[in-house]
Amino acid sequence: MLGQLTERGDLRKVEARGNRSQRLFYVVFLPAGAAANLTLGLVVLSGLRPDGELGWLQLGTGALCCVIAGWLAAVTWSQFYWNRSLARQVATWRRIADAFFAWVEDAPVPAEAVHRLKSSLDEVVPGSPTR
């Protein structure tokens, strides 16, 4: 059991290192890009009174910048929401699995049955660490 906890902790450390660049992108660069795009769109749109094709083209460009800024904001919110939801779901399933395996460890189960269960779980969860 201690070996599992050590492997699980090591796996979380590796996952955390891989997610730092993603966090930096979603926390710093994406909001900065959305703010810059929104500012550019508002600058283009402020005080425009479209006269002719060029005026309408400028108005369309400003509107496009605002749409892109809104899309980037929606992406940021969606990423945050789904990461939080997924983390909650994973935590719940881990607690269920821990309770199940604690019960299995206490029950008088033949070693062959436990080995078959482990093999089945390894097939179902392809990304599980091997020992």
Protein backbone atom coordinates (compact mmCIF):
# COMPACT_ATOMS: atom_id res chain seq x y z
CA MET A 1 0.00 0.00 0.00
CA LEU A 2 2.86 2.39 0.79
CA GLY A 3 4.34 1.73 -2.66
CA GLN A 4 1.07 2.78 -4.25
CA LEU A 5 1.03 6.04 -2.30
CA THR A 6 4.60 6.80 -3.30
CA GLU A 7 3.89 6.09 -6.97
CA ARG A 8 0.69 8.12 -6.86
CA GLY A 9 2.56 11.05 -5.28
CA ASP A 10 5.32 10.82 -7.90
CA LEU A 11 2.73 10.74 -10.66
CA ARG A 12 1.07 13.87 -9.29
CA LYS A 13 4.42 15.67 -9.19
CA VAL A 14 5.05 14.82 -12.84
CA GLU A 15 1.53 15.96 -13.79
CA ALA A 16 2.00 19.22 -11.86
CA ARG A 17 5.25 19.98 -13.72
CA GLY A 18 3.56 19.40 -17.07
CA ASN A 19 0.66 21.65 -16.17
CA ARG A 20 2.77 24.68 -15.16
CA SER A 21 3.17 25.84 -18.75
CA GLN A 22 -0.55 25.38 -19.36
CA ARG A 23 -1.39 27.32 -16.20
CA LEU A 24 0.95 30.12 -17.25
CA PHE A 25 -0.77 30.28 -20.63
CA TYR A 26 -4.31 30.25 -19.22
CA VAL A 27 -3.58 32.56 -16.27
CA VAL A 28 -1.30 35.14 -17.93
CA PHE A 29 -1.21 35.07 -21.72
CA LEU A 30 -4.81 34.25 -22.58
CA PRO A 31 -6.36 36.98 -20.36
CA ALA A 32 -3.72 39.48 -21.56
CA GLY A 33 -4.50 38.60 -25.17
CA ALA A 34 -8.25 38.90 -24.58
CA ALA A 35 -7.78 42.30 -22.87
CA ALA A 36 -5.55 43.56 -25.69
CA ASN A 37 -8.02 42.35 -28.30
CA LEU A 38 -10.96 43.94 -26.49
CA THR A 39 -9.05 47.21 -26.11
CA LEU A 40 -8.14 47.21 -29.80
CA GLY A 41 -11.75 46.49 -30.74
CA LEU A 42 -13.09 49.26 -28.52
CA VAL A 43 -10.50 51.74 -29.85
CA VAL A 44 -11.53 50.93 -33.40
CA LEU A 45 -15.24 51.12 -32.57
CA SER A 46 -15.13 54.28 -30.46
CA GLY A 47 -16.30 57.29 -32.33
CA LEU A 48 -16.75 55.53 -35.67
CA ARG A 49 -19.47 56.69 -37.91
CA PRO A 50 -19.20 54.40 -40.89
CA ASP A 51 -19.08 56.36 -44.13
CA GLY A 52 -18.69 54.16 -47.15
CA GLU A 53 -16.91 50.86 -47.44
CA LEU A 54 -13.80 51.81 -45.45
CA GLY A 55 -15.85 52.92 -42.45
CA TRP A 56 -17.85 49.69 -42.46
CA LEU A 57 -14.63 47.69 -42.81
CA GLN A 58 -13.20 49.43 -39.73
CA LEU A 59 -16.42 48.81 -37.83
CA GLY A 60 -16.33 45.13 -38.82
CA THR A 61 -12.68 44.86 -37.73
CA GLY A 62 -13.49 46.32 -34.32
CA ALA A 63 -16.47 44.02 -33.93
CA LEU A 64 -14.31 41.03 -34.88
CA CYS A 65 -11.73 42.01 -32.23
CA CYS A 66 -14.51 42.16 -29.62
CA VAL A 67 -15.85 38.76 -30.71
CA ILE A 68 -12.38 37.21 -30.50
CA ALA A 69 -11.86 38.73 -27.04
CA GLY A 70 -15.19 37.27 -25.91
CA TRP A 71 -14.27 33.88 -27.34
CA LEU A 72 -10.93 33.92 -25.52
CA ALA A 73 -12.68 34.84 -22.27
CA ALA A 74 -15.12 31.96 -22.79
CA VAL A 75 -12.22 29.56 -23.40
CA THR A 76 -10.58 30.69 -20.16
CA TRP A 77 -13.78 30.24 -18.17
CA SER A 78 -14.48 26.86 -19.79
CA GLN A 79 -10.98 25.57 -19.04
CA PHE A 80 -11.29 26.63 -15.40
CA TYR A 81 -14.79 25.15 -15.00
CA TRP A 82 -14.02 21.78 -16.58
CA ASN A 83 -10.70 21.37 -14.75
CA ARG A 84 -12.45 22.01 -11.43
CA SER A 85 -15.30 19.62 -12.29
CA LEU A 86 -12.92 16.91 -13.45
CA ALA A 87 -10.79 17.27 -10.32
CA ARG A 88 -13.88 16.84 -8.14
CA GLN A 89 -14.99 13.78 -10.08
CA VAL A 90 -11.54 12.17 -9.94
CA ALA A 91 -11.33 12.81 -6.19
CA THR A 92 -14.73 11.19 -5.66
CA TRP A 93 -13.81 8.11 -7.71
CA ARG A 94 -10.50 7.78 -5.89
CA ARG A 95 -12.32 7.77 -2.55
CA ILE A 96 -14.73 5.12 -3.88
CA ALA A 97 -11.84 2.99 -5.16
CA ASP A 98 -9.90 3.40 -1.89
CA ALA A 99 -12.95 2.30 0.11
CA PHE A 100 -13.50 -0.66 -2.20
CA PHE A 101 -9.91 -1.82 -2.03
CA ALA A 102 -9.77 -1.35 1.74
CA TRP A 103 -12.81 -3.64 1.94
CA VAL A 104 -11.21 -6.14 -0.45
CA GLU A 105 -8.00 -6.19 1.61
CA ASP A 106 -9.98 -7.08 4.73
CA ALA A 107 -12.13 -9.72 3.02
CA PRO A 108 -10.83 -13.29 2.68
CA VAL A 109 -10.38 -13.29 -1.09
CA PRO A 110 -8.17 -15.80 -2.90
CA ALA A 111 -4.94 -14.35 -4.27
CA GLU A 112 -5.83 -15.49 -7.79
CA ALA A 113 -9.06 -13.44 -7.73
CA VAL A 114 -7.17 -10.34 -6.60
CA HIS A 115 -4.63 -10.90 -9.39
CA ARG A 116 -7.46 -11.18 -11.96
CA LEU A 117 -8.99 -7.96 -10.62
CA LYS A 118 -5.67 -6.17 -10.92
CA SER A 119 -5.21 -7.44 -14.48
CA SER A 120 -8.71 -6.29 -15.41
CA LEU A 121 -8.06 -2.85 -13.93
CA ASP A 122 -4.76 -2.59 -15.78
CA GLU A 123 -6.58 -3.32 -19.05
CA VAL A 124 -9.30 -0.77 -18.36
CA VAL A 125 -6.94 1.99 -17.19
CA PRO A 126 -4.19 2.04 -19.83
CA GLY A 127 -2.27 4.94 -18.25
CA SER A 128 -1.79 3.25 -14.89
CA PRO A 129 1.81 2.97 -13.70
CA THR A 130 3.35 -0.48 -13.85
CA ARG A 131 5.27 -1.92 -10.92
